[in-house]
PDB file of N, CA and C in Angstrom:
ATOM      1  N   MET A   1      98.267 106.328  91.185  1.00  0.00           N
ATOM      2  CA  MET A   1      98.713 105.519  92.310  1.00  0.00           C
ATOM      3  C   MET A   1      99.203 104.169  91.775  1.00  0.00           C
ATOM      4  N   PRO A   2     100.385 103.759  92.172  1.00  0.00           N
ATOM      5  CA  PRO A   2     100.924 102.497  91.662  1.00  0.00           C
ATOM      6  C   PRO A   2     100.296 101.279  92.338  1.00  0.00           C
ATOM      7  N   PHE A   3     100.322 100.202  91.604  1.00  0.00           N
ATOM      8  CA  PHE A   3      99.882  98.914  92.135  1.00  0.00           C
ATOM      9  C   PHE A   3     101.148  98.116  92.404  1.00  0.00           C
ATOM     10  N   GLU A   4     101.498  97.965  93.670  1.00  0.00           N
ATOM     11  CA  GLU A   4     102.769  97.352  94.042  1.00  0.00           C
ATOM     12  C   GLU A   4     102.671  95.834  94.068  1.00  0.00           C
ATOM     13  N   HIS A   5     103.511  95.225  93.275  1.00  0.00           N
ATOM     14  CA  HIS A   5     103.679  93.779  93.234  1.00  0.00           C
ATOM     15  C   HIS A   5     105.097  93.478  93.710  1.00  0.00           C
ATOM     16  N   PHE A   6     105.294  92.299  94.247  1.00  0.00           N
ATOM     17  CA  PHE A   6     106.627  91.902  94.699  1.00  0.00           C
ATOM     18  C   PHE A   6     106.979  90.556  94.074  1.00  0.00           C
ATOM     19  N   LEU A   7     108.118  90.524  93.401  1.00  0.00           N
ATOM     20  CA  LEU A   7     108.645  89.291  92.831  1.00  0.00           C
ATOM     21  C   LEU A   7     109.678  88.763  93.808  1.00  0.00           C
ATOM     22  N   GLU A   8     109.419  87.581  94.348  1.00  0.00           N
ATOM     23  CA  GLU A   8     110.301  87.035  95.380  1.00  0.00           C
ATOM     24  C   GLU A   8     110.867  85.701  94.932  1.00  0.00           C
ATOM     25  N   PRO A   9     112.156  85.480  95.198  1.00  0.00           N
ATOM     26  CA  PRO A   9     112.755  84.196  94.844  1.00  0.00           C
ATOM     27  C   PRO A   9     112.154  83.080  95.696  1.00  0.00           C
ATOM     28  N   ASP A  10     111.980  81.908  95.089  1.00  0.00           N
ATOM     29  CA  ASP A  10     111.382  80.785  95.811  1.00  0.00           C
ATOM     30  C   ASP A  10     112.364  80.120  96.777  1.00  0.00           C
ATOM     31  N   ASP A  11     113.657  80.170  96.464  1.00  0.00           N
ATOM     32  CA  ASP A  11     114.657  79.448  97.256  1.00  0.00           C
ATOM     33  C   ASP A  11     115.795  80.361  97.673  1.00  0.00           C
ATOM     34  N   GLY A  12     115.562  81.206  98.640  1.00  0.00           N
ATOM     35  CA  GLY A  12     116.632  82.104  99.089  1.00  0.00           C
ATOM     36  C   GLY A  12     116.748  83.306  98.178  1.00  0.00           C
ATOM     37  N   PRO A  13     117.691  84.196  98.453  1.00  0.00           N
ATOM     38  CA  PRO A  13     117.823  85.424  97.671  1.00  0.00           C
ATOM     39  C   PRO A  13     118.212  85.153  96.221  1.00  0.00           C
ATOM     40  N   PHE A  14     117.891  86.118  95.348  1.00  0.00           N
ATOM     41  CA  PHE A  14     118.366  86.053  93.967  1.00  0.00           C
ATOM     42  C   PHE A  14     119.888  86.144  93.984  1.00  0.00           C
ATOM     43  N   SER A  15     120.527  85.436  93.082  1.00  0.00           N
ATOM     44  CA  SER A  15     121.989  85.472  92.989  1.00  0.00           C
ATOM     45  C   SER A  15     122.446  86.825  92.447  1.00  0.00           C
ATOM     46  N   ALA A  16     123.726  87.111  92.616  1.00  0.00           N
ATOM     47  CA  ALA A  16     124.298  88.348  92.091  1.00  0.00           C
ATOM     48  C   ALA A  16     124.137  88.406  90.573  1.00  0.00           C
ATOM     49  N   ASP A  17     124.283  87.261  89.900  1.00  0.00           N
ATOM     50  CA  ASP A  17     124.093  87.224  88.451  1.00  0.00           C
ATOM     51  C   ASP A  17     122.658  87.543  88.068  1.00  0.00           C
ATOM     52  N   ALA A  18     121.707  87.032  88.830  1.00  0.00           N
ATOM     53  CA  ALA A  18     120.291  87.313  88.560  1.00  0.00           C
ATOM     54  C   ALA A  18     120.003  88.798  88.745  1.00  0.00           C
ATOM     55  N   VAL A  19     120.505  89.372  89.823  1.00  0.00           N
ATOM     56  CA  VAL A  19     120.292  90.797  90.094  1.00  0.00           C
ATOM     57  C   VAL A  19     120.909  91.637  88.976  1.00  0.00           C
ATOM     58  N   ALA A  20     122.116  91.299  88.561  1.00  0.00           N
ATOM     59  CA  ALA A  20     122.773  92.039  87.478  1.00  0.00           C
ATOM     60  C   ALA A  20     121.978  91.930  86.176  1.00  0.00           C
ATOM     61  N   ALA A  21     121.461  90.754  85.873  1.00  0.00           N
ATOM     62  CA  ALA A  21     120.660  90.566  84.655  1.00  0.00           C
ATOM     63  C   ALA A  21     119.377  91.390  84.704  1.00  0.00           C
ATOM     64  N   MET A  22     118.746  91.474  85.878  1.00  0.00           N
ATOM     65  CA  MET A  22     117.530  92.283  86.004  1.00  0.00           C
ATOM     66  C   MET A  22     117.837  93.764  85.792  1.00  0.00           C
ATOM     67  N   HIS A  23     118.921  94.243  86.401  1.00  0.00           N
ATOM     68  CA  HIS A  23     119.314  95.644  86.200  1.00  0.00           C
ATOM     69  C   HIS A  23     119.556  95.916  84.721  1.00  0.00           C
ATOM     70  N   GLU A  24     120.251  95.020  84.063  1.00  0.00           N
ATOM     71  CA  GLU A  24     120.560  95.191  82.648  1.00  0.00           C
ATOM     72  C   GLU A  24     119.277  95.270  81.820  1.00  0.00           C
ATOM     73  N   ARG A  25     118.335  94.419  82.126  1.00  0.00           N
ATOM     74  CA  ARG A  25     117.071  94.408  81.374  1.00  0.00           C
ATOM     75  C   ARG A  25     116.286  95.707  81.591  1.00  0.00           C
ATOM     76  N   VAL A  26     116.231  96.188  82.822  1.00  0.00           N
ATOM     77  CA  VAL A  26     115.505  97.439  83.089  1.00  0.00           C
ATOM     78  C   VAL A  26     116.205  98.614  82.416  1.00  0.00           C
ATOM     79  N   ARG A  27     117.538  98.626  82.466  1.00  0.00           N
ATOM     80  CA  ARG A  27     118.285  99.736  81.848  1.00  0.00           C
ATOM     81  C   ARG A  27     118.135  99.765  80.331  1.00  0.00           C
ATOM     82  N   ALA A  28     117.657  98.691  79.729  1.00  0.00           N
ATOM     83  CA  ALA A  28     117.416  98.668  78.280  1.00  0.00           C
ATOM     84  C   ALA A  28     116.138  99.429  77.908  1.00  0.00           C
ATOM     85  N   GLN A  29     115.304  99.747  78.904  1.00  0.00           N
ATOM     86  CA  GLN A  29     114.055 100.498  78.697  1.00  0.00           C
ATOM     87  C   GLN A  29     114.319 101.983  78.940  1.00  0.00           C
ATOM     88  N   PRO A  30     113.463 102.876  78.415  1.00  0.00           N
ATOM     89  CA  PRO A  30     113.593 104.275  78.820  1.00  0.00           C
ATOM     90  C   PRO A  30     113.362 104.359  80.337  1.00  0.00           C
ATOM     91  N   HIS A  31     114.322 104.915  81.063  1.00  0.00           N
ATOM     92  CA  HIS A  31     114.239 104.874  82.520  1.00  0.00           C
ATOM     93  C   HIS A  31     114.994 106.034  83.150  1.00  0.00           C
ATOM     94  N   HIS A  32     114.784 106.194  84.434  1.00  0.00           N
ATOM     95  CA  HIS A  32     115.565 107.099  85.279  1.00  0.00           C
ATOM     96  C   HIS A  32     115.919 106.316  86.539  1.00  0.00           C
ATOM     97  N   VAL A  33     117.151 106.459  87.002  1.00  0.00           N
ATOM     98  CA  VAL A  33     117.579 105.799  88.238  1.00  0.00           C
ATOM     99  C   VAL A  33     117.576 106.833  89.357  1.00  0.00           C
ATOM    100  N   TRP A  34     116.893 106.503  90.451  1.00  0.00           N
ATOM    101  CA  TRP A  34     116.823 107.385  91.611  1.00  0.00           C
ATOM    102  C   TRP A  34     117.995 107.099  92.549  1.00  0.00           C
ATOM    103  N   PRO A  35     118.324 108.012  93.457  1.00  0.00           N
ATOM    104  CA  PRO A  35     119.461 107.805  94.365  1.00  0.00           C
ATOM    105  C   PRO A  35     119.388 106.511  95.173  1.00  0.00           C
ATOM    106  N   ASP A  36     118.176 106.021  95.455  1.00  0.00           N
ATOM    107  CA  ASP A  36     118.061 104.778  96.225  1.00  0.00           C
ATOM    108  C   ASP A  36     118.193 103.529  95.351  1.00  0.00           C
ATOM    109  N   GLY A  37     118.442 103.719  94.059  1.00  0.00           N
ATOM    110  CA  GLY A  37     118.617 102.593  93.152  1.00  0.00           C
ATOM    111  C   GLY A  37     117.345 102.142  92.458  1.00  0.00           C
ATOM    112  N   ALA A  38     116.205 102.733  92.813  1.00  0.00           N
ATOM    113  CA  ALA A  38     114.948 102.402  92.143  1.00  0.00           C
ATOM    114  C   ALA A  38     114.954 103.012  90.743  1.00  0.00           C
ATOM    115  N   TYR A  39     114.212 102.373  89.855  1.00  0.00           N
ATOM    116  CA  TYR A  39     114.069 102.861  88.484  1.00  0.00           C
ATOM    117  C   TYR A  39     112.637 103.320  88.261  1.00  0.00           C
ATOM    118  N   THR A  40     112.476 104.435  87.577  1.00  0.00           N
ATOM    119  CA  THR A  40     111.191 104.763  86.987  1.00  0.00           C
ATOM    120  C   THR A  40     111.299 104.346  85.532  1.00  0.00           C
ATOM    121  N   VAL A  41     110.308 103.590  85.067  1.00  0.00           N
ATOM    122  CA  VAL A  41     110.305 103.087  83.695  1.00  0.00           C
ATOM    123  C   VAL A  41     109.249 103.869  82.918  1.00  0.00           C
ATOM    124  N   TYR A  42     109.649 104.386  81.770  1.00  0.00           N
ATOM    125  CA  TYR A  42     108.768 105.214  80.950  1.00  0.00           C
ATOM    126  C   TYR A  42     108.361 104.469  79.680  1.00  0.00           C
ATOM    127  N   ALA A  43     107.254 104.914  79.100  1.00  0.00           N
ATOM    128  CA  ALA A  43     106.747 104.305  77.868  1.00  0.00           C
ATOM    129  C   ALA A  43     107.603 104.684  76.666  1.00  0.00           C
ATOM    130  N   SER A  44     108.309 105.821  76.743  1.00  0.00           N
ATOM    131  CA  SER A  44     109.127 106.273  75.607  1.00  0.00           C
ATOM    132  C   SER A  44     110.256 107.157  76.110  1.00  0.00           C
ATOM    133  N   THR A  45     111.254 107.360  75.266  1.00  0.00           N
ATOM    134  CA  THR A  45     112.343 108.262  75.643  1.00  0.00           C
ATOM    135  C   THR A  45     111.839 109.698  75.723  1.00  0.00           C
ATOM    136  N   GLU A  46     110.845 110.049  74.898  1.00  0.00           N
ATOM    137  CA  GLU A  46     110.276 111.393  74.952  1.00  0.00           C
ATOM    138  C   GLU A  46     109.605 111.639  76.308  1.00  0.00           C
ATOM    139  N   GLU A  47     108.867 110.646  76.778  1.00  0.00           N
ATOM    140  CA  GLU A  47     108.217 110.771  78.084  1.00  0.00           C
ATOM    141  C   GLU A  47     109.269 110.894  79.188  1.00  0.00           C
ATOM    142  N   ARG A  48     110.324 110.091  79.091  1.00  0.00           N
ATOM    143  CA  ARG A  48     111.401 110.176  80.085  1.00  0.00           C
ATOM    144  C   ARG A  48     112.048 111.550  80.063  1.00  0.00           C
ATOM    145  N   ASP A  49     112.349 112.051  78.867  1.00  0.00           N
ATOM    146  CA  ASP A  49     113.034 113.328  78.765  1.00  0.00           C
ATOM    147  C   ASP A  49     112.184 114.491  79.267  1.00  0.00           C
ATOM    148  N   ALA A  50     110.863 114.357  79.190  1.00  0.00           N
ATOM    149  CA  ALA A  50     109.962 115.414  79.647  1.00  0.00           C
ATOM    150  C   ALA A  50     109.654 115.326  81.139  1.00  0.00           C
ATOM    151  N   ALA A  51     110.011 114.223  81.771  1.00  0.00           N
ATOM    152  CA  ALA A  51     109.667 114.007  83.184  1.00  0.00           C
ATOM    153  C   ALA A  51     110.515 114.886  84.096  1.00  0.00           C
ATOM    154  N   ASP A  52     109.934 115.276  85.211  1.00  0.00           N
ATOM    155  CA  ASP A  52     110.650 116.025  86.238  1.00  0.00           C
ATOM    156  C   ASP A  52     111.311 115.013  87.167  1.00  0.00           C
ATOM    157  N   THR A  53     112.615 114.887  87.049  1.00  0.00           N
ATOM    158  CA  THR A  53     113.355 113.938  87.888  1.00  0.00           C
ATOM    159  C   THR A  53     114.226 114.673  88.904  1.00  0.00           C
ATOM    160  N   SER A  54     113.831 115.890  89.234  1.00  0.00           N
ATOM    161  CA  SER A  54     114.637 116.681  90.167  1.00  0.00           C
ATOM    162  C   SER A  54     114.356 116.340  91.625  1.00  0.00           C
ATOM    163  N   GLY A  55     113.214 115.721  91.905  1.00  0.00           N
ATOM    164  CA  GLY A  55     112.869 115.410  93.288  1.00  0.00           C
ATOM    165  C   GLY A  55     112.866 113.927  93.535  1.00  0.00           C
ATOM    166  N   ALA A  56     111.716 113.419  93.897  1.00  0.00           N
ATOM    167  CA  ALA A  56     111.550 111.996  94.173  1.00  0.00           C
ATOM    168  C   ALA A  56     110.647 111.384  93.113  1.00  0.00           C
ATOM    169  N   ALA A  57     110.545 110.068  93.125  1.00  0.00           N
ATOM    170  CA  ALA A  57     109.673 109.374  92.183  1.00  0.00           C
ATOM    171  C   ALA A  57     108.268 109.955  92.273  1.00  0.00           C
ATOM    172  N   ASP A  58     107.606 110.104  91.140  1.00  0.00           N
ATOM    173  CA  ASP A  58     106.303 110.769  91.106  1.00  0.00           C
ATOM    174  C   ASP A  58     105.126 109.815  91.302  1.00  0.00           C
ATOM    175  N   TYR A  59     105.362 108.540  91.251  1.00  0.00           N
ATOM    176  CA  TYR A  59     104.334 107.521  91.457  1.00  0.00           C
ATOM    177  C   TYR A  59     103.198 107.581  90.444  1.00  0.00           C
ATOM    178  N   ILE A  60     103.437 108.244  89.313  1.00  0.00           N
ATOM    179  CA  ILE A  60     102.496 108.149  88.202  1.00  0.00           C
ATOM    180  C   ILE A  60     103.128 107.388  87.042  1.00  0.00           C
ATOM    181  N   HIS A  61     104.378 106.981  87.232  1.00  0.00           N
ATOM    182  CA  HIS A  61     105.083 106.162  86.257  1.00  0.00           C
ATOM    183  C   HIS A  61     105.481 104.844  86.920  1.00  0.00           C
ATOM    184  N   ALA A  62     105.667 103.828  86.109  1.00  0.00           N
ATOM    185  CA  ALA A  62     106.027 102.502  86.618  1.00  0.00           C
ATOM    186  C   ALA A  62     107.376 102.548  87.338  1.00  0.00           C
ATOM    187  N   ILE A  63     107.476 101.772  88.408  1.00  0.00           N
ATOM    188  CA  ILE A  63     108.688 101.766  89.230  1.00  0.00           C
ATOM    189  C   ILE A  63     109.162 100.332  89.436  1.00  0.00           C
ATOM    190  N   VAL A  64     110.478 100.157  89.415  1.00  0.00           N
ATOM    191  CA  VAL A  64     111.101  98.868  89.720  1.00  0.00           C
ATOM    192  C   VAL A  64     112.214  99.130  90.723  1.00  0.00           C
ATOM    193  N   HIS A  65     112.266  98.322  91.768  1.00  0.00           N
ATOM    194  CA  HIS A  65     113.383  98.387  92.708  1.00  0.00           C
ATOM    195  C   HIS A  65     113.870  96.958  92.917  1.00  0.00           C
ATOM    196  N   ILE A  66     115.107  96.715  92.556  1.00  0.00           N
ATOM    197  CA  ILE A  66     115.674  95.367  92.537  1.00  0.00           C
ATOM    198  C   ILE A  66     116.572  95.158  93.741  1.00  0.00           C
ATOM    199  N   SER A  67     116.356  94.065  94.443  1.00  0.00           N
ATOM    200  CA  SER A  67     117.260  93.649  95.523  1.00  0.00           C
ATOM    201  C   SER A  67     117.317  92.123  95.500  1.00  0.00           C
ATOM    202  N   PRO A  68     118.308  91.535  96.144  1.00  0.00           N
ATOM    203  CA  PRO A  68     118.385  90.071  96.164  1.00  0.00           C
ATOM    204  C   PRO A  68     117.183  89.422  96.843  1.00  0.00           C
ATOM    205  N   GLU A  69     116.564  90.105  97.795  1.00  0.00           N
ATOM    206  CA  GLU A  69     115.450  89.524  98.551  1.00  0.00           C
ATOM    207  C   GLU A  69     114.125  89.606  97.808  1.00  0.00           C
ATOM    208  N   ARG A  70     113.931  90.677  97.028  1.00  0.00           N
ATOM    209  CA  ARG A  70     112.671  90.847  96.283  1.00  0.00           C
ATOM    210  C   ARG A  70     112.824  91.969  95.274  1.00  0.00           C
ATOM    211  N   VAL A  71     111.922  91.951  94.309  1.00  0.00           N
ATOM    212  CA  VAL A  71     111.875  93.009  93.309  1.00  0.00           C
ATOM    213  C   VAL A  71     110.514  93.685  93.410  1.00  0.00           C
ATOM    214  N   LEU A  72     110.510  94.967  93.715  1.00  0.00           N
ATOM    215  CA  LEU A  72     109.282  95.749  93.705  1.00  0.00           C
ATOM    216  C   LEU A  72     108.967  96.075  92.256  1.00  0.00           C
ATOM    217  N   VAL A  73     107.751  95.764  91.835  1.00  0.00           N
ATOM    218  CA  VAL A  73     107.284  96.066  90.485  1.00  0.00           C
ATOM    219  C   VAL A  73     105.975  96.841  90.674  1.00  0.00           C
ATOM    220  N   ALA A  74     106.015  98.149  90.452  1.00  0.00           N
ATOM    221  CA  ALA A  74     104.837  98.985  90.668  1.00  0.00           C
ATOM    222  C   ALA A  74     104.284  99.449  89.329  1.00  0.00           C
ATOM    223  N   THR A  75     103.142  98.900  88.962  1.00  0.00           N
ATOM    224  CA  THR A  75     102.494  99.255  87.709  1.00  0.00           C
ATOM    225  C   THR A  75     101.563 100.438  87.921  1.00  0.00           C
ATOM    226  N   VAL A  76     101.260 101.146  86.823  1.00  0.00           N
ATOM    227  CA  VAL A  76     100.423 102.336  86.929  1.00  0.00           C
ATOM    228  C   VAL A  76      99.319 102.403  85.878  1.00  0.00           C
ATOM    229  N   GLY A  77      99.126 101.343  85.121  1.00  0.00           N
ATOM    230  CA  GLY A  77      98.074 101.355  84.108  1.00  0.00           C
ATOM    231  C   GLY A  77      98.521 101.855  82.751  1.00  0.00           C
ATOM    232  N   ASP A  78      99.816 102.041  82.558  1.00  0.00           N
ATOM    233  CA  ASP A  78     100.351 102.429  81.253  1.00  0.00           C
ATOM    234  C   ASP A  78     100.673 101.146  80.496  1.00  0.00           C
ATOM    235  N   PRO A  79      99.991 100.865  79.394  1.00  0.00           N
ATOM    236  CA  PRO A  79     100.184  99.581  78.723  1.00  0.00           C
ATOM    237  C   PRO A  79     101.621  99.308  78.286  1.00  0.00           C
ATOM    238  N   VAL A  80     102.342 100.334  77.844  1.00  0.00           N
ATOM    239  CA  VAL A  80     103.714 100.119  77.371  1.00  0.00           C
ATOM    240  C   VAL A  80     104.658  99.859  78.542  1.00  0.00           C
ATOM    241  N   ALA A  81     104.665 100.758  79.527  1.00  0.00           N
ATOM    242  CA  ALA A  81     105.561 100.596  80.676  1.00  0.00           C
ATOM    243  C   ALA A  81     105.203  99.357  81.478  1.00  0.00           C
ATOM    244  N   ASP A  82     103.907  99.144  81.718  1.00  0.00           N
ATOM    245  CA  ASP A  82     103.493  97.947  82.460  1.00  0.00           C
ATOM    246  C   ASP A  82     103.833  96.682  81.688  1.00  0.00           C
ATOM    247  N   GLY A  83     103.755  96.750  80.368  1.00  0.00           N
ATOM    248  CA  GLY A  83     104.142  95.599  79.539  1.00  0.00           C
ATOM    249  C   GLY A  83     105.616  95.280  79.672  1.00  0.00           C
ATOM    250  N   ALA A  84     106.438  96.317  79.798  1.00  0.00           N
ATOM    251  CA  ALA A  84     107.876  96.103  80.007  1.00  0.00           C
ATOM    252  C   ALA A  84     108.130  95.432  81.347  1.00  0.00           C
ATOM    253  N   LEU A  85     107.359  95.819  82.369  1.00  0.00           N
ATOM    254  CA  LEU A  85     107.517  95.189  83.680  1.00  0.00           C
ATOM    255  C   LEU A  85     107.052  93.731  83.638  1.00  0.00           C
ATOM    256  N   ARG A  86     105.965  93.480  82.921  1.00  0.00           N
ATOM    257  CA  ARG A  86     105.506  92.097  82.785  1.00  0.00           C
ATOM    258  C   ARG A  86     106.568  91.256  82.085  1.00  0.00           C
ATOM    259  N   ALA A  87     107.167  91.794  81.027  1.00  0.00           N
ATOM    260  CA  ALA A  87     108.218  91.064  80.315  1.00  0.00           C
ATOM    261  C   ALA A  87     109.406  90.786  81.232  1.00  0.00           C
ATOM    262  N   LEU A  88     109.748  91.746  82.099  1.00  0.00           N
ATOM    263  CA  LEU A  88     110.821  91.542  83.077  1.00  0.00           C
ATOM    264  C   LEU A  88     110.475  90.380  83.999  1.00  0.00           C
ATOM    265  N   VAL A  89     109.276  90.397  84.566  1.00  0.00           N
ATOM    266  CA  VAL A  89     108.865  89.338  85.486  1.00  0.00           C
ATOM    267  C   VAL A  89     108.864  87.986  84.785  1.00  0.00           C
ATOM    268  N   GLU A  90     108.334  87.932  83.576  1.00  0.00           N
ATOM    269  CA  GLU A  90     108.298  86.664  82.841  1.00  0.00           C
ATOM    270  C   GLU A  90     109.706  86.151  82.543  1.00  0.00           C
ATOM    271  N   ALA A  91     110.614  87.061  82.195  1.00  0.00           N
ATOM    272  CA  ALA A  91     111.996  86.655  81.923  1.00  0.00           C
ATOM    273  C   ALA A  91     112.674  86.137  83.187  1.00  0.00           C
ATOM    274  N   VAL A  92     112.456  86.818  84.306  1.00  0.00           N
ATOM    275  CA  VAL A  92     113.046  86.366  85.567  1.00  0.00           C
ATOM    276  C   VAL A  92     112.480  84.999  85.944  1.00  0.00           C
ATOM    277  N   GLN A  93     111.159  84.847  85.859  1.00  0.00           N
ATOM    278  CA  GLN A  93     110.539  83.576  86.243  1.00  0.00           C
ATOM    279  C   GLN A  93     110.964  82.434  85.324  1.00  0.00           C
ATOM    280  N   ALA A  94     111.307  82.741  84.090  1.00  0.00           N
ATOM    281  CA  ALA A  94     111.769  81.698  83.162  1.00  0.00           C
ATOM    282  C   ALA A  94     113.168  81.206  83.528  1.00  0.00           C
ATOM    283  N   ARG A  95     113.971  82.061  84.166  1.00  0.00           N
ATOM    284  CA  ARG A  95     115.356  81.694  84.503  1.00  0.00           C
ATOM    285  C   ARG A  95     115.559  81.299  85.953  1.00  0.00           C
ATOM    286  N   TRP A  96     114.810  81.929  86.865  1.00  0.00           N
ATOM    287  CA  TRP A  96     115.020  81.706  88.290  1.00  0.00           C
ATOM    288  C   TRP A  96     113.679  81.431  88.960  1.00  0.00           C
ATOM    289  N   PRO A  97     113.590  80.393  89.775  1.00  0.00           N
ATOM    290  CA  PRO A  97     112.323  80.100  90.456  1.00  0.00           C
ATOM    291  C   PRO A  97     111.912  81.284  91.343  1.00  0.00           C
ATOM    292  N   SER A  98     110.765  81.847  91.037  1.00  0.00           N
ATOM    293  CA  SER A  98     110.296  83.013  91.789  1.00  0.00           C
ATOM    294  C   SER A  98     108.790  83.129  91.654  1.00  0.00           C
ATOM    295  N   SER A  99     108.200  83.869  92.576  1.00  0.00           N
ATOM    296  CA  SER A  99     106.753  84.045  92.610  1.00  0.00           C
ATOM    297  C   SER A  99     106.423  85.524  92.722  1.00  0.00           C
ATOM    298  N   LEU A 100     105.338  85.916  92.066  1.00  0.00           N
ATOM    299  CA  LEU A 100     104.870  87.296  92.082  1.00  0.00           C
ATOM    300  C   LEU A 100     103.701  87.403  93.053  1.00  0.00           C
ATOM    301  N   TYR A 101     103.734  88.440  93.900  1.00  0.00           N
ATOM    302  CA  TYR A 101     102.693  88.641  94.903  1.00  0.00           C
ATOM    303  C   TYR A 101     102.086  90.031  94.776  1.00  0.00           C
ATOM    304  N   TYR A 102     100.800  90.102  95.028  1.00  0.00           N
ATOM    305  CA  TYR A 102     100.081  91.373  95.100  1.00  0.00           C
ATOM    306  C   TYR A 102      99.146  91.281  96.298  1.00  0.00           C
ATOM    307  N   GLY A 103      99.308  92.197  97.239  1.00  0.00           N
ATOM    308  CA  GLY A 103      98.480  92.169  98.431  1.00  0.00           C
ATOM    309  C   GLY A 103      98.599  90.878  99.210  1.00  0.00           C
ATOM    310  N   GLY A 104      99.791  90.278  99.206  1.00  0.00           N
ATOM    311  CA  GLY A 104     100.021  89.041  99.942  1.00  0.00           C
ATOM    312  C   GLY A 104      99.552  87.784  99.232  1.00  0.00           C
ATOM    313  N   GLU A 105      98.899  87.938  98.074  1.00  0.00           N
ATOM    314  CA  GLU A 105      98.402  86.787  97.302  1.00  0.00           C
ATOM    315  C   GLU A 105      99.328  86.516  96.122  1.00  0.00           C
ATOM    316  N   ARG A 106      99.585  85.268  95.861  1.00  0.00           N
ATOM    317  CA  ARG A 106     100.377  84.899  94.697  1.00  0.00           C
ATOM    318  C   ARG A 106      99.540  85.141  93.450  1.00  0.00           C
ATOM    319  N   VAL A 107     100.131  85.833  92.454  1.00  0.00           N
ATOM    320  CA  VAL A 107      99.439  86.161  91.219  1.00  0.00           C
ATOM    321  C   VAL A 107     100.312  85.825  90.015  1.00  0.00           C
ATOM    322  N   SER A 108      99.728  85.831  88.836  1.00  0.00           N
ATOM    323  CA  SER A 108     100.476  85.556  87.619  1.00  0.00           C
ATOM    324  C   SER A 108     101.046  86.860  87.049  1.00  0.00           C
ATOM    325  N   ALA A 109     102.027  86.728  86.192  1.00  0.00           N
ATOM    326  CA  ALA A 109     102.621  87.898  85.543  1.00  0.00           C
ATOM    327  C   ALA A 109     101.581  88.655  84.704  1.00  0.00           C
ATOM    328  N   GLU A 110     100.581  87.933  84.211  1.00  0.00           N
ATOM    329  CA  GLU A 110      99.529  88.565  83.405  1.00  0.00           C
ATOM    330  C   GLU A 110      98.791  89.643  84.194  1.00  0.00           C
ATOM    331  N   SER A 111      98.766  89.531  85.513  1.00  0.00           N
ATOM    332  CA  SER A 111      98.062  90.529  86.331  1.00  0.00           C
ATOM    333  C   SER A 111      98.691  91.910  86.223  1.00  0.00           C
ATOM    334  N   LEU A 112      99.942  91.975  85.790  1.00  0.00           N
ATOM    335  CA  LEU A 112     100.617  93.268  85.657  1.00  0.00           C
ATOM    336  C   LEU A 112     100.039  94.104  84.523  1.00  0.00           C
ATOM    337  N   THR A 113      99.410  93.471  83.565  1.00  0.00           N
ATOM    338  CA  THR A 113      98.848  94.199  82.423  1.00  0.00           C
ATOM    339  C   THR A 113      97.329  94.026  82.330  1.00  0.00           C
ATOM    340  N   ALA A 114      96.721  93.523  83.373  1.00  0.00           N
ATOM    341  CA  ALA A 114      95.265  93.290  83.351  1.00  0.00           C
ATOM    342  C   ALA A 114      94.492  94.571  83.583  1.00  0.00           C
TER     343      ALA A 114
END
């Protein structure tokens, strides 16, 4: 079961450049893109290649869904994949004012790998 976190911009929606940069960063990881634009992020290309991507997201792998209003970051306890999501959040927060939330509470990026 994933642990859903939301990265939200502090001052209005993320810019088109910010959204494009986030997509680029996620696509640099082993991943699969679903029809709705969400990404499943895998720990390795071997894991990605072995995954069943014929249906819907399986919710046992990390998921990212990027939009200008918020970024869904769903961790699953995989240190490699969750670490990639933490690095994404840290990179976004370093460039664009934004806050990470879990269960309505503001949390740090470190919580993604705790």
